[in-house]
């Protein structure tokens, strides 16, 4: 079993683990192997597994990386959201997606630029607040806004990834630390992301109309 899938504490797979630490495990594994497949990022079960899956699939869409990362990882996030909606305890992705390799350079850039965001967000968290809002039923409900945000990320909207990605990352780290209060706050951030995306699309449409 790969290093980042090792268990933490007495309730492995459903304990409290910091996303910032998990990112260092991802980086360590990628350095050992010269890269890492998407399938290797989603091996954990339960709340922690879902939280970290959301986190590592979302970070590449937040940092400025070349290539169609929004479309690829937005599609992966949509797969995750649909499975959350049906109460899945472990995330599955189609083979052609799971086998897709993320290069070491991309992982290093993702961790270097994304981990400070995660650390900053984690500083707001208090583990165990309103924990029922991070349970299985709550995760099934959260799947709906996550699905909408994933679709927004996958769309080719200029500067359109940042707000939806931040909302999903906030949901992910709140789930990881069982902070239900931050889950509530993240829903307001998600709503704000929808508003921001609407105005970006409107602005892009107006610009195209003016140009042509």
Foldseek 3Di string as FASTA:
>chain_A
DQPLQDADDDPGLQAFDALLVSLVSQLVRCVVVQWAFLLVQQPGWALLSLLSNLQVLLLLLAFDDDDQSLQLSLVVLLQSLVCLLVQGGGGDDDPVRRRDIDGSVSSVRSSVPPSVVSVVLVVPADAPAVLVCLHSVNSSVVSVLSNVLSVQSNDPQVVLSNQSSSLSNQCSRCNSRSHNVSNVVSVVSSVVSVVVSVVSVVVVVVVVVVVD
